[in-house]
Amino acid sequence: MAGVSLDAVWKMGVTLPGVVQSTAYGSPALKVGGQLMACVPTNKSAEPGSLMFRVDRNDRQTMLDEAPELYYVTDHYLDYDAVLVRLERLNRELLHDLLAMAHRFVTKKKQGGSKG
């Protein structure tokens, strides 16, 4: 697997409804409606060449179980609805799926409010 570049992530990400290229904590990011969707992780615990995607924690566990060579999480990110992804192990089809998943998660969360 050749992996994908950050440039490919940004180009594909902005094709989703309402997504813009932005920054989060000084790093390149994708946001929808002002909400963080994906970004270059700034925490030192993340491996170089990784990207952070917002996903439901229940989905994250399945992802970690199914593809630990691709997905991972560090202690810093355990309490966040997020998963870390190794870009060199990612392909374009999977990138599209991850972006769509993050987009659905962020937009659904925003619309749904905090029901509880």
PDB file of N, CA and C in Angstrom:
ATOM      1  N   MET A   1       0.843  -1.194   0.000  1.00  0.00           N
ATOM      2  CA  MET A   1       0.000   0.000   0.000  1.00  0.00           C
ATOM      3  C   MET A   1       0.881   1.248   0.000  1.00  0.00           C
ATOM      4  N   ALA A   2       0.618   2.132  -0.928  1.00  0.00           N
ATOM      5  CA  ALA A   2       1.479   3.299  -1.107  1.00  0.00           C
ATOM      6  C   ALA A   2       1.177   4.412  -0.111  1.00  0.00           C
ATOM      7  N   GLY A   3      -0.039   4.442   0.409  1.00  0.00           N
ATOM      8  CA  GLY A   3      -0.410   5.523   1.299  1.00  0.00           C
ATOM      9  C   GLY A   3      -0.970   6.701   0.536  1.00  0.00           C
ATOM     10  N   VAL A   4      -1.415   7.697   1.275  1.00  0.00           N
ATOM     11  CA  VAL A   4      -1.933   8.919   0.669  1.00  0.00           C
ATOM     12  C   VAL A   4      -1.214  10.125   1.262  1.00  0.00           C
ATOM     13  N   SER A   5      -1.186  11.192   0.491  1.00  0.00           N
ATOM     14  CA  SER A   5      -0.530  12.408   0.955  1.00  0.00           C
ATOM     15  C   SER A   5      -1.540  13.284   1.697  1.00  0.00           C
ATOM     16  N   LEU A   6      -1.015  14.207   2.488  1.00  0.00           N
ATOM     17  CA  LEU A   6      -1.886  15.173   3.150  1.00  0.00           C
ATOM     18  C   LEU A   6      -2.643  15.991   2.113  1.00  0.00           C
ATOM     19  N   ASP A   7      -1.975  16.313   1.019  1.00  0.00           N
ATOM     20  CA  ASP A   7      -2.618  17.075  -0.042  1.00  0.00           C
ATOM     21  C   ASP A   7      -3.854  16.339  -0.558  1.00  0.00           C
ATOM     22  N   ALA A   8      -3.741  15.025  -0.729  1.00  0.00           N
ATOM     23  CA  ALA A   8      -4.885  14.224  -1.185  1.00  0.00           C
ATOM     24  C   ALA A   8      -6.014  14.260  -0.164  1.00  0.00           C
ATOM     25  N   VAL A   9      -5.670  14.243   1.120  1.00  0.00           N
ATOM     26  CA  VAL A   9      -6.679  14.311   2.186  1.00  0.00           C
ATOM     27  C   VAL A   9      -7.451  15.622   2.085  1.00  0.00           C
ATOM     28  N   TRP A  10      -6.717  16.737   1.972  1.00  0.00           N
ATOM     29  CA  TRP A  10      -7.375  18.045   1.919  1.00  0.00           C
ATOM     30  C   TRP A  10      -8.247  18.169   0.677  1.00  0.00           C
ATOM     31  N   LYS A  11      -7.719  17.729  -0.473  1.00  0.00           N
ATOM     32  CA  LYS A  11      -8.472  17.841  -1.730  1.00  0.00           C
ATOM     33  C   LYS A  11      -9.755  17.017  -1.683  1.00  0.00           C
ATOM     34  N   MET A  12      -9.671  15.807  -1.156  1.00  0.00           N
ATOM     35  CA  MET A  12     -10.855  14.960  -1.080  1.00  0.00           C
ATOM     36  C   MET A  12     -11.818  15.478  -0.007  1.00  0.00           C
ATOM     37  N   GLY A  13     -11.281  15.944   1.093  1.00  0.00           N
ATOM     38  CA  GLY A  13     -12.114  16.408   2.197  1.00  0.00           C
ATOM     39  C   GLY A  13     -13.022  17.561   1.827  1.00  0.00           C
ATOM     40  N   VAL A  14     -12.496  18.519   1.073  1.00  0.00           N
ATOM     41  CA  VAL A  14     -13.299  19.709   0.745  1.00  0.00           C
ATOM     42  C   VAL A  14     -14.374  19.426  -0.304  1.00  0.00           C
ATOM     43  N   THR A  15     -14.421  18.207  -0.847  1.00  0.00           N
ATOM     44  CA  THR A  15     -15.503  17.856  -1.765  1.00  0.00           C
ATOM     45  C   THR A  15     -16.772  17.479  -1.000  1.00  0.00           C
ATOM     46  N   LEU A  16     -16.675  17.254   0.306  1.00  0.00           N
ATOM     47  CA  LEU A  16     -17.845  16.925   1.113  1.00  0.00           C
ATOM     48  C   LEU A  16     -18.610  18.201   1.459  1.00  0.00           C
ATOM     49  N   PRO A  17     -19.934  18.091   1.630  1.00  0.00           N
ATOM     50  CA  PRO A  17     -20.770  19.285   1.875  1.00  0.00           C
ATOM     51  C   PRO A  17     -20.329  20.084   3.099  1.00  0.00           C
ATOM     52  N   GLY A  18     -20.053  21.380   2.868  1.00  0.00           N
ATOM     53  CA  GLY A  18     -19.745  22.292   3.961  1.00  0.00           C
ATOM     54  C   GLY A  18     -18.343  22.197   4.536  1.00  0.00           C
ATOM     55  N   VAL A  19     -17.502  21.339   4.003  1.00  0.00           N
ATOM     56  CA  VAL A  19     -16.159  21.149   4.558  1.00  0.00           C
ATOM     57  C   VAL A  19     -15.199  22.195   4.012  1.00  0.00           C
ATOM     58  N   VAL A  20     -14.415  22.768   4.923  1.00  0.00           N
ATOM     59  CA  VAL A  20     -13.401  23.747   4.543  1.00  0.00           C
ATOM     60  C   VAL A  20     -12.058  23.360   5.143  1.00  0.00           C
ATOM     61  N   GLN A  21     -11.001  23.763   4.462  1.00  0.00           N
ATOM     62  CA  GLN A  21      -9.667  23.570   4.997  1.00  0.00           C
ATOM     63  C   GLN A  21      -9.416  24.680   6.005  1.00  0.00           C
ATOM     64  N   SER A  22      -8.896  24.325   7.160  1.00  0.00           N
ATOM     65  CA  SER A  22      -8.724  25.279   8.241  1.00  0.00           C
ATOM     66  C   SER A  22      -7.492  24.871   9.052  1.00  0.00           C
ATOM     67  N   THR A  23      -7.463  25.294  10.307  1.00  0.00           N
ATOM     68  CA  THR A  23      -6.409  24.860  11.221  1.00  0.00           C
ATOM     69  C   THR A  23      -7.035  24.520  12.567  1.00  0.00           C
ATOM     70  N   ALA A  24      -6.332  23.675  13.309  1.00  0.00           N
ATOM     71  CA  ALA A  24      -6.713  23.342  14.680  1.00  0.00           C
ATOM     72  C   ALA A  24      -5.423  23.275  15.481  1.00  0.00           C
ATOM     73  N   TYR A  25      -5.334  24.084  16.507  1.00  0.00           N
ATOM     74  CA  TYR A  25      -4.121  24.153  17.338  1.00  0.00           C
ATOM     75  C   TYR A  25      -2.885  24.419  16.489  1.00  0.00           C
ATOM     76  N   GLY A  26      -3.054  25.208  15.425  1.00  0.00           N
ATOM     77  CA  GLY A  26      -1.943  25.579  14.572  1.00  0.00           C
ATOM     78  C   GLY A  26      -1.581  24.570  13.500  1.00  0.00           C
ATOM     79  N   SER A  27      -2.311  23.455  13.421  1.00  0.00           N
ATOM     80  CA  SER A  27      -2.035  22.429  12.411  1.00  0.00           C
ATOM     81  C   SER A  27      -3.130  22.401  11.356  1.00  0.00           C
ATOM     82  N   PRO A  28      -2.787  21.959  10.147  1.00  0.00           N
ATOM     83  CA  PRO A  28      -3.791  21.860   9.090  1.00  0.00           C
ATOM     84  C   PRO A  28      -4.950  20.960   9.525  1.00  0.00           C
ATOM     85  N   ALA A  29      -6.166  21.348   9.140  1.00  0.00           N
ATOM     86  CA  ALA A  29      -7.349  20.604   9.559  1.00  0.00           C
ATOM     87  C   ALA A  29      -8.470  20.761   8.544  1.00  0.00           C
ATOM     88  N   LEU A  30      -9.453  19.881   8.656  1.00  0.00           N
ATOM     89  CA  LEU A  30     -10.704  19.995   7.924  1.00  0.00           C
ATOM     90  C   LEU A  30     -11.809  20.226   8.942  1.00  0.00           C
ATOM     91  N   LYS A  31     -12.683  21.186   8.651  1.00  0.00           N
ATOM     92  CA  LYS A  31     -13.796  21.474   9.547  1.00  0.00           C
ATOM     93  C   LYS A  31     -15.086  21.551   8.748  1.00  0.00           C
ATOM     94  N   VAL A  32     -16.177  21.243   9.417  1.00  0.00           N
ATOM     95  CA  VAL A  32     -17.504  21.391   8.828  1.00  0.00           C
ATOM     96  C   VAL A  32     -18.358  22.135   9.849  1.00  0.00           C
ATOM     97  N   GLY A  33     -18.938  23.246   9.412  1.00  0.00           N
ATOM     98  CA  GLY A  33     -19.724  24.055  10.328  1.00  0.00           C
ATOM     99  C   GLY A  33     -18.948  24.527  11.541  1.00  0.00           C
ATOM    100  N   GLY A  34     -17.657  24.767  11.367  1.00  0.00           N
ATOM    101  CA  GLY A  34     -16.805  25.211  12.462  1.00  0.00           C
ATOM    102  C   GLY A  34     -16.336  24.102  13.386  1.00  0.00           C
ATOM    103  N   GLN A  35     -16.811  22.876  13.152  1.00  0.00           N
ATOM    104  CA  GLN A  35     -16.444  21.741  14.010  1.00  0.00           C
ATOM    105  C   GLN A  35     -15.302  20.946  13.371  1.00  0.00           C
ATOM    106  N   LEU A  36     -14.334  20.576  14.185  1.00  0.00           N
ATOM    107  CA  LEU A  36     -13.193  19.797  13.718  1.00  0.00           C
ATOM    108  C   LEU A  36     -13.643  18.427  13.220  1.00  0.00           C
ATOM    109  N   MET A  37     -13.160  18.058  12.035  1.00  0.00           N
ATOM    110  CA  MET A  37     -13.500  16.775  11.431  1.00  0.00           C
ATOM    111  C   MET A  37     -12.271  15.880  11.317  1.00  0.00           C
ATOM    112  N   ALA A  38     -11.149  16.471  10.929  1.00  0.00           N
ATOM    113  CA  ALA A  38      -9.890  15.734  10.790  1.00  0.00           C
ATOM    114  C   ALA A  38      -8.753  16.742  10.863  1.00  0.00           C
ATOM    115  N   CYS A  39      -7.596  16.292  11.359  1.00  0.00           N
ATOM    116  CA  CYS A  39      -6.462  17.210  11.435  1.00  0.00           C
ATOM    117  C   CYS A  39      -5.158  16.449  11.599  1.00  0.00           C
ATOM    118  N   VAL A  40      -4.080  17.171  11.384  1.00  0.00           N
ATOM    119  CA  VAL A  40      -2.762  16.666  11.713  1.00  0.00           C
ATOM    120  C   VAL A  40      -2.657  16.767  13.238  1.00  0.00           C
ATOM    121  N   PRO A  41      -2.448  15.636  13.931  1.00  0.00           N
ATOM    122  CA  PRO A  41      -2.420  15.697  15.396  1.00  0.00           C
ATOM    123  C   PRO A  41      -1.230  16.497  15.902  1.00  0.00           C
ATOM    124  N   THR A  42      -1.464  17.303  16.926  1.00  0.00           N
ATOM    125  CA  THR A  42      -0.396  18.116  17.493  1.00  0.00           C
ATOM    126  C   THR A  42       0.192  17.495  18.746  1.00  0.00           C
ATOM    127  N   ASN A  43      -0.526  16.563  19.364  1.00  0.00           N
ATOM    128  CA  ASN A  43      -0.007  15.938  20.575  1.00  0.00           C
ATOM    129  C   ASN A  43       1.190  15.060  20.232  1.00  0.00           C
ATOM    130  N   LYS A  44       2.228  15.161  21.037  1.00  0.00           N
ATOM    131  CA  LYS A  44       3.484  14.446  20.772  1.00  0.00           C
ATOM    132  C   LYS A  44       3.328  12.926  20.815  1.00  0.00           C
ATOM    133  N   SER A  45       2.233  12.432  21.406  1.00  0.00           N
ATOM    134  CA  SER A  45       2.041  10.986  21.493  1.00  0.00           C
ATOM    135  C   SER A  45       1.691  10.367  20.141  1.00  0.00           C
ATOM    136  N   ALA A  46       1.222  11.176  19.194  1.00  0.00           N
ATOM    137  CA  ALA A  46       0.864  10.666  17.869  1.00  0.00           C
ATOM    138  C   ALA A  46       2.132  10.406  17.060  1.00  0.00           C
ATOM    139  N   GLU A  47       2.111   9.332  16.286  1.00  0.00           N
ATOM    140  CA  GLU A  47       3.256   9.003  15.428  1.00  0.00           C
ATOM    141  C   GLU A  47       3.345  10.015  14.292  1.00  0.00           C
ATOM    142  N   PRO A  48       4.569  10.337  13.853  1.00  0.00           N
ATOM    143  CA  PRO A  48       4.711  11.199  12.669  1.00  0.00           C
ATOM    144  C   PRO A  48       4.016  10.537  11.481  1.00  0.00           C
ATOM    145  N   GLY A  49       3.436  11.331  10.595  1.00  0.00           N
ATOM    146  CA  GLY A  49       2.762  10.774   9.425  1.00  0.00           C
ATOM    147  C   GLY A  49       1.370  10.259   9.733  1.00  0.00           C
ATOM    148  N   SER A  50       0.770  10.773  10.808  1.00  0.00           N
ATOM    149  CA  SER A  50      -0.578  10.347  11.190  1.00  0.00           C
ATOM    150  C   SER A  50      -1.578  11.468  10.952  1.00  0.00           C
ATOM    151  N   LEU A  51      -2.834  11.081  10.929  1.00  0.00           N
ATOM    152  CA  LEU A  51      -3.929  12.033  10.841  1.00  0.00           C
ATOM    153  C   LEU A  51      -4.970  11.624  11.867  1.00  0.00           C
ATOM    154  N   MET A  52      -5.617  12.600  12.483  1.00  0.00           N
ATOM    155  CA  MET A  52      -6.666  12.327  13.457  1.00  0.00           C
ATOM    156  C   MET A  52      -8.011  12.558  12.787  1.00  0.00           C
ATOM    157  N   PHE A  53      -8.891  11.572  12.891  1.00  0.00           N
ATOM    158  CA  PHE A  53     -10.252  11.671  12.372  1.00  0.00           C
ATOM    159  C   PHE A  53     -11.228  11.584  13.529  1.00  0.00           C
ATOM    160  N   ARG A  54     -12.274  12.400  13.502  1.00  0.00           N
ATOM    161  CA  ARG A  54     -13.328  12.329  14.509  1.00  0.00           C
ATOM    162  C   ARG A  54     -14.252  11.165  14.182  1.00  0.00           C
ATOM    163  N   VAL A  55     -14.381  10.236  15.104  1.00  0.00           N
ATOM    164  CA  VAL A  55     -15.289   9.097  14.954  1.00  0.00           C
ATOM    165  C   VAL A  55     -15.893   8.770  16.313  1.00  0.00           C
ATOM    166  N   ASP A  56     -17.018   8.102  16.297  1.00  0.00           N
ATOM    167  CA  ASP A  56     -17.643   7.641  17.525  1.00  0.00           C
ATOM    168  C   ASP A  56     -16.706   6.627  18.206  1.00  0.00           C
ATOM    169  N   ARG A  57     -16.596   6.713  19.521  1.00  0.00           N
ATOM    170  CA  ARG A  57     -15.690   5.810  20.243  1.00  0.00           C
ATOM    171  C   ARG A  57     -16.061   4.345  20.064  1.00  0.00           C
ATOM    172  N   ASN A  58     -17.343   4.033  19.911  1.00  0.00           N
ATOM    173  CA  ASN A  58     -17.741   2.643  19.673  1.00  0.00           C
ATOM    174  C   ASN A  58     -17.232   2.162  18.319  1.00  0.00           C
ATOM    175  N   ASP A  59     -17.321   3.017  17.304  1.00  0.00           N
ATOM    176  CA  ASP A  59     -16.780   2.675  15.989  1.00  0.00           C
ATOM    177  C   ASP A  59     -15.266   2.547  16.049  1.00  0.00           C
ATOM    178  N   ARG A  60     -14.639   3.395  16.840  1.00  0.00           N
ATOM    179  CA  ARG A  60     -13.179   3.375  16.957  1.00  0.00           C
ATOM    180  C   ARG A  60     -12.694   2.010  17.428  1.00  0.00           C
ATOM    181  N   GLN A  61     -13.350   1.449  18.413  1.00  0.00           N
ATOM    182  CA  GLN A  61     -12.895   0.156  18.937  1.00  0.00           C
ATOM    183  C   GLN A  61     -12.944  -0.926  17.862  1.00  0.00           C
ATOM    184  N   THR A  62     -13.992  -0.906  17.062  1.00  0.00           N
ATOM    185  CA  THR A  62     -14.104  -1.868  15.961  1.00  0.00           C
ATOM    186  C   THR A  62     -12.966  -1.658  14.969  1.00  0.00           C
ATOM    187  N   MET A  63     -12.686  -0.405  14.655  1.00  0.00           N
ATOM    188  CA  MET A  63     -11.616  -0.084  13.716  1.00  0.00           C
ATOM    189  C   MET A  63     -10.265  -0.579  14.248  1.00  0.00           C
ATOM    190  N   LEU A  64     -10.006  -0.335  15.530  1.00  0.00           N
ATOM    191  CA  LEU A  64      -8.748  -0.758  16.145  1.00  0.00           C
ATOM    192  C   LEU A  64      -8.616  -2.273  16.118  1.00  0.00           C
ATOM    193  N   ASP A  65      -9.715  -2.968  16.380  1.00  0.00           N
ATOM    194  CA  ASP A  65      -9.699  -4.441  16.381  1.00  0.00           C
ATOM    195  C   ASP A  65      -9.470  -5.002  14.986  1.00  0.00           C
ATOM    196  N   GLU A  66     -10.078  -4.374  13.980  1.00  0.00           N
ATOM    197  CA  GLU A  66     -10.017  -4.897  12.614  1.00  0.00           C
ATOM    198  C   GLU A  66      -8.722  -4.566  11.880  1.00  0.00           C
ATOM    199  N   ALA A  67      -8.120  -3.418  12.164  1.00  0.00           N
ATOM    200  CA  ALA A  67      -6.927  -3.005  11.417  1.00  0.00           C
ATOM    201  C   ALA A  67      -5.946  -2.241  12.309  1.00  0.00           C
ATOM    202  N   PRO A  68      -5.322  -2.930  13.288  1.00  0.00           N
ATOM    203  CA  PRO A  68      -4.398  -2.234  14.194  1.00  0.00           C
ATOM    204  C   PRO A  68      -3.146  -1.696  13.512  1.00  0.00           C
ATOM    205  N   GLU A  69      -2.838  -2.185  12.310  1.00  0.00           N
ATOM    206  CA  GLU A  69      -1.686  -1.660  11.578  1.00  0.00           C
ATOM    207  C   GLU A  69      -2.002  -0.300  10.962  1.00  0.00           C
ATOM    208  N   LEU A  70      -3.292  -0.011  10.777  1.00  0.00           N
ATOM    209  CA  LEU A  70      -3.733   1.242  10.175  1.00  0.00           C
ATOM    210  C   LEU A  70      -4.201   2.252  11.226  1.00  0.00           C
ATOM    211  N   TYR A  71      -5.035   1.784  12.154  1.00  0.00           N
ATOM    212  CA  TYR A  71      -5.630   2.654  13.166  1.00  0.00           C
ATOM    213  C   TYR A  71      -4.968   2.458  14.517  1.00  0.00           C
ATOM    214  N   TYR A  72      -4.861   3.521  15.272  1.00  0.00           N
ATOM    215  CA  TYR A  72      -4.368   3.414  16.640  1.00  0.00           C
ATOM    216  C   TYR A  72      -4.883   4.584  17.452  1.00  0.00           C
ATOM    217  N   VAL A  73      -4.689   4.497  18.752  1.00  0.00           N
ATOM    218  CA  VAL A  73      -5.065   5.584  19.645  1.00  0.00           C
ATOM    219  C   VAL A  73      -4.016   5.620  20.757  1.00  0.00           C
ATOM    220  N   THR A  74      -3.683   6.803  21.219  1.00  0.00           N
ATOM    221  CA  THR A  74      -2.750   6.936  22.343  1.00  0.00           C
ATOM    222  C   THR A  74      -3.550   7.382  23.563  1.00  0.00           C
ATOM    223  N   ASP A  75      -2.927   7.317  24.704  1.00  0.00           N
ATOM    224  CA  ASP A  75      -3.608   7.695  25.946  1.00  0.00           C
ATOM    225  C   ASP A  75      -4.242   9.086  25.851  1.00  0.00           C
ATOM    226  N   HIS A  76      -3.537   9.997  25.193  1.00  0.00           N
ATOM    227  CA  HIS A  76      -4.048  11.368  25.076  1.00  0.00           C
ATOM    228  C   HIS A  76      -5.425  11.423  24.397  1.00  0.00           C
ATOM    229  N   TYR A  77      -5.648  10.548  23.424  1.00  0.00           N
ATOM    230  CA  TYR A  77      -6.873  10.586  22.631  1.00  0.00           C
ATOM    231  C   TYR A  77      -7.974   9.654  23.128  1.00  0.00           C
ATOM    232  N   LEU A  78      -7.722   8.907  24.199  1.00  0.00           N
ATOM    233  CA  LEU A  78      -8.711   7.945  24.686  1.00  0.00           C
ATOM    234  C   LEU A  78     -10.048   8.584  25.042  1.00  0.00           C
ATOM    235  N   ASP A  79     -10.030   9.774  25.593  1.00  0.00           N
ATOM    236  CA  ASP A  79     -11.260  10.433  26.027  1.00  0.00           C
ATOM    237  C   ASP A  79     -11.915  11.277  24.935  1.00  0.00           C
ATOM    238  N   TYR A  80     -11.386  11.199  23.731  1.00  0.00           N
ATOM    239  CA  TYR A  80     -11.937  11.962  22.616  1.00  0.00           C
ATOM    240  C   TYR A  80     -12.607  11.011  21.622  1.00  0.00           C
ATOM    241  N   ASP A  81     -13.615  11.523  20.912  1.00  0.00           N
ATOM    242  CA  ASP A  81     -14.227  10.767  19.821  1.00  0.00           C
ATOM    243  C   ASP A  81     -13.312  10.917  18.618  1.00  0.00           C
ATOM    244  N   ALA A  82     -12.230  10.150  18.614  1.00  0.00           N
ATOM    245  CA  ALA A  82     -11.226  10.293  17.559  1.00  0.00           C
ATOM    246  C   ALA A  82     -10.415   9.016  17.417  1.00  0.00           C
ATOM    247  N   VAL A  83      -9.867   8.832  16.222  1.00  0.00           N
ATOM    248  CA  VAL A  83      -8.941   7.737  15.964  1.00  0.00           C
ATOM    249  C   VAL A  83      -7.759   8.308  15.185  1.00  0.00           C
ATOM    250  N   LEU A  84      -6.588   7.756  15.415  1.00  0.00           N
ATOM    251  CA  LEU A  84      -5.388   8.153  14.681  1.00  0.00           C
ATOM    252  C   LEU A  84      -5.162   7.151  13.545  1.00  0.00           C
ATOM    253  N   VAL A  85      -4.732   7.670  12.391  1.00  0.00           N
ATOM    254  CA  VAL A  85      -4.573   6.850  11.198  1.00  0.00           C
ATOM    255  C   VAL A  85      -3.175   7.058  10.631  1.00  0.00           C
ATOM    256  N   ARG A  86      -2.518   5.947  10.299  1.00  0.00           N
ATOM    257  CA  ARG A  86      -1.188   6.006   9.680  1.00  0.00           C
ATOM    258  C   ARG A  86      -1.366   6.212   8.171  1.00  0.00           C
ATOM    259  N   LEU A  87      -0.996   7.405   7.695  1.00  0.00           N
ATOM    260  CA  LEU A  87      -1.224   7.765   6.290  1.00  0.00           C
ATOM    261  C   LEU A  87      -0.522   6.832   5.307  1.00  0.00           C
ATOM    262  N   GLU A  88       0.650   6.302   5.667  1.00  0.00           N
ATOM    263  CA  GLU A  88       1.363   5.453   4.713  1.00  0.00           C
ATOM    264  C   GLU A  88       0.653   4.121   4.503  1.00  0.00           C
ATOM    265  N   ARG A  89      -0.297   3.784   5.369  1.00  0.00           N
ATOM    266  CA  ARG A  89      -1.044   2.532   5.232  1.00  0.00           C
ATOM    267  C   ARG A  89      -2.466   2.744   4.713  1.00  0.00           C
ATOM    268  N   LEU A  90      -2.784   3.984   4.374  1.00  0.00           N
ATOM    269  CA  LEU A  90      -4.129   4.338   3.931  1.00  0.00           C
ATOM    270  C   LEU A  90      -4.194   4.383   2.412  1.00  0.00           C
ATOM    271  N   ASN A  91      -5.317   3.932   1.840  1.00  0.00           N
ATOM    272  CA  ASN A  91      -5.504   4.082   0.393  1.00  0.00           C
ATOM    273  C   ASN A  91      -6.644   5.071   0.140  1.00  0.00           C
ATOM    274  N   ARG A  92      -6.812   5.470  -1.103  1.00  0.00           N
ATOM    275  CA  ARG A  92      -7.783   6.523  -1.434  1.00  0.00           C
ATOM    276  C   ARG A  92      -9.227   6.107  -1.136  1.00  0.00           C
ATOM    277  N   GLU A  93      -9.555   4.844  -1.371  1.00  0.00           N
ATOM    278  CA  GLU A  93     -10.916   4.370  -1.110  1.00  0.00           C
ATOM    279  C   GLU A  93     -11.224   4.437   0.384  1.00  0.00           C
ATOM    280  N   LEU A  94     -10.283   3.976   1.186  1.00  0.00           N
ATOM    281  CA  LEU A  94     -10.463   4.015   2.632  1.00  0.00           C
ATOM    282  C   LEU A  94     -10.478   5.459   3.140  1.00  0.00           C
ATOM    283  N   LEU A  95      -9.658   6.308   2.538  1.00  0.00           N
ATOM    284  CA  LEU A  95      -9.653   7.728   2.901  1.00  0.00           C
ATOM    285  C   LEU A  95     -11.043   8.321   2.685  1.00  0.00           C
ATOM    286  N   HIS A  96     -11.653   8.022   1.551  1.00  0.00           N
ATOM    287  CA  HIS A  96     -12.992   8.532   1.269  1.00  0.00           C
ATOM    288  C   HIS A  96     -13.972   8.062   2.345  1.00  0.00           C
ATOM    289  N   ASP A  97     -13.898   6.779   2.710  1.00  0.00           N
ATOM    290  CA  ASP A  97     -14.788   6.233   3.738  1.00  0.00           C
ATOM    291  C   ASP A  97     -14.571   6.906   5.091  1.00  0.00           C
ATOM    292  N   LEU A  98     -13.314   7.134   5.455  1.00  0.00           N
ATOM    293  CA  LEU A  98     -12.998   7.789   6.727  1.00  0.00           C
ATOM    294  C   LEU A  98     -13.507   9.231   6.760  1.00  0.00           C
ATOM    295  N   LEU A  99     -13.295   9.940   5.670  1.00  0.00           N
ATOM    296  CA  LEU A  99     -13.777  11.324   5.598  1.00  0.00           C
ATOM    297  C   LEU A  99     -15.298  11.366   5.696  1.00  0.00           C
ATOM    298  N   ALA A 100     -15.969  10.451   5.001  1.00  0.00           N
ATOM    299  CA  ALA A 100     -17.431  10.400   5.057  1.00  0.00           C
ATOM    300  C   ALA A 100     -17.900  10.057   6.471  1.00  0.00           C
ATOM    301  N   MET A 101     -17.211   9.125   7.130  1.00  0.00           N
ATOM    302  CA  MET A 101     -17.569   8.744   8.496  1.00  0.00           C
ATOM    303  C   MET A 101     -17.391   9.919   9.452  1.00  0.00           C
ATOM    304  N   ALA A 102     -16.276  10.627   9.327  1.00  0.00           N
ATOM    305  CA  ALA A 102     -16.018  11.785  10.187  1.00  0.00           C
ATOM    306  C   ALA A 102     -17.039  12.887   9.913  1.00  0.00           C
ATOM    307  N   HIS A 103     -17.366  13.090   8.644  1.00  0.00           N
ATOM    308  CA  HIS A 103     -18.349  14.107   8.264  1.00  0.00           C
ATOM    309  C   HIS A 103     -19.708  13.784   8.882  1.00  0.00           C
ATOM    310  N   ARG A 104     -20.145  12.527   8.758  1.00  0.00           N
ATOM    311  CA  ARG A 104     -21.426  12.110   9.347  1.00  0.00           C
ATOM    312  C   ARG A 104     -21.414  12.288  10.859  1.00  0.00           C
ATOM    313  N   PHE A 105     -20.298  11.893  11.498  1.00  0.00           N
ATOM    314  CA  PHE A 105     -20.206  11.998  12.954  1.00  0.00           C
ATOM    315  C   PHE A 105     -20.333  13.446  13.410  1.00  0.00           C
ATOM    316  N   VAL A 106     -19.587  14.344  12.785  1.00  0.00           N
ATOM    317  CA  VAL A 106     -19.578  15.746  13.202  1.00  0.00           C
ATOM    318  C   VAL A 106     -20.914  16.423  12.902  1.00  0.00           C
ATOM    319  N   THR A 107     -21.476  16.175  11.719  1.00  0.00           N
ATOM    320  CA  THR A 107     -22.736  16.842  11.371  1.00  0.00           C
ATOM    321  C   THR A 107     -23.902  16.263  12.170  1.00  0.00           C
ATOM    322  N   LYS A 108     -23.894  14.981  12.427  1.00  0.00           N
ATOM    323  CA  LYS A 108     -24.958  14.355  13.224  1.00  0.00           C
ATOM    324  C   LYS A 108     -24.900  14.861  14.669  1.00  0.00           C
ATOM    325  N   LYS A 109     -23.689  14.942  15.201  1.00  0.00           N
ATOM    326  CA  LYS A 109     -23.507  15.407  16.573  1.00  0.00           C
ATOM    327  C   LYS A 109     -24.005  16.848  16.713  1.00  0.00           C
ATOM    328  N   LYS A 110     -23.699  17.668  15.705  1.00  0.00           N
ATOM    329  CA  LYS A 110     -24.097  19.074  15.740  1.00  0.00           C
ATOM    330  C   LYS A 110     -25.615  19.224  15.660  1.00  0.00           C
ATOM    331  N   GLN A 111     -26.249  18.460  14.787  1.00  0.00           N
ATOM    332  CA  GLN A 111     -27.694  18.524  14.622  1.00  0.00           C
ATOM    333  C   GLN A 111     -28.432  17.954  15.829  1.00  0.00           C
ATOM    334  N   GLY A 112     -27.892  16.851  16.371  1.00  0.00           N
ATOM    335  CA  GLY A 112     -28.565  16.139  17.450  1.00  0.00           C
ATOM    336  C   GLY A 112     -28.505  16.849  18.779  1.00  0.00           C
ATOM    337  N   GLY A 113     -27.555  17.732  18.924  1.00  0.00           N
ATOM    338  CA  GLY A 113     -27.393  18.420  20.214  1.00  0.00           C
ATOM    339  C   GLY A 113     -26.978  17.447  21.287  1.00  0.00           C
ATOM    340  N   SER A 114     -27.221  17.767  22.541  1.00  0.00           N
ATOM    341  CA  SER A 114     -26.803  16.871  23.618  1.00  0.00           C
ATOM    342  C   SER A 114     -28.043  16.278  24.286  1.00  0.00           C
ATOM    343  N   LYS A 115     -28.503  15.208  23.688  1.00  0.00           N
ATOM    344  CA  LYS A 115     -29.636  14.493  24.263  1.00  0.00           C
ATOM    345  C   LYS A 115     -29.082  13.473  25.240  1.00  0.00           C
ATOM    346  N   GLY A 116     -29.744  13.380  26.370  1.00  0.00           N
ATOM    347  CA  GLY A 116     -29.079  12.476  27.201  1.00  0.00           C
ATOM    348  C   GLY A 116     -29.702  11.891  28.329  1.00  0.00           C
TER     349      GLY A 116
END
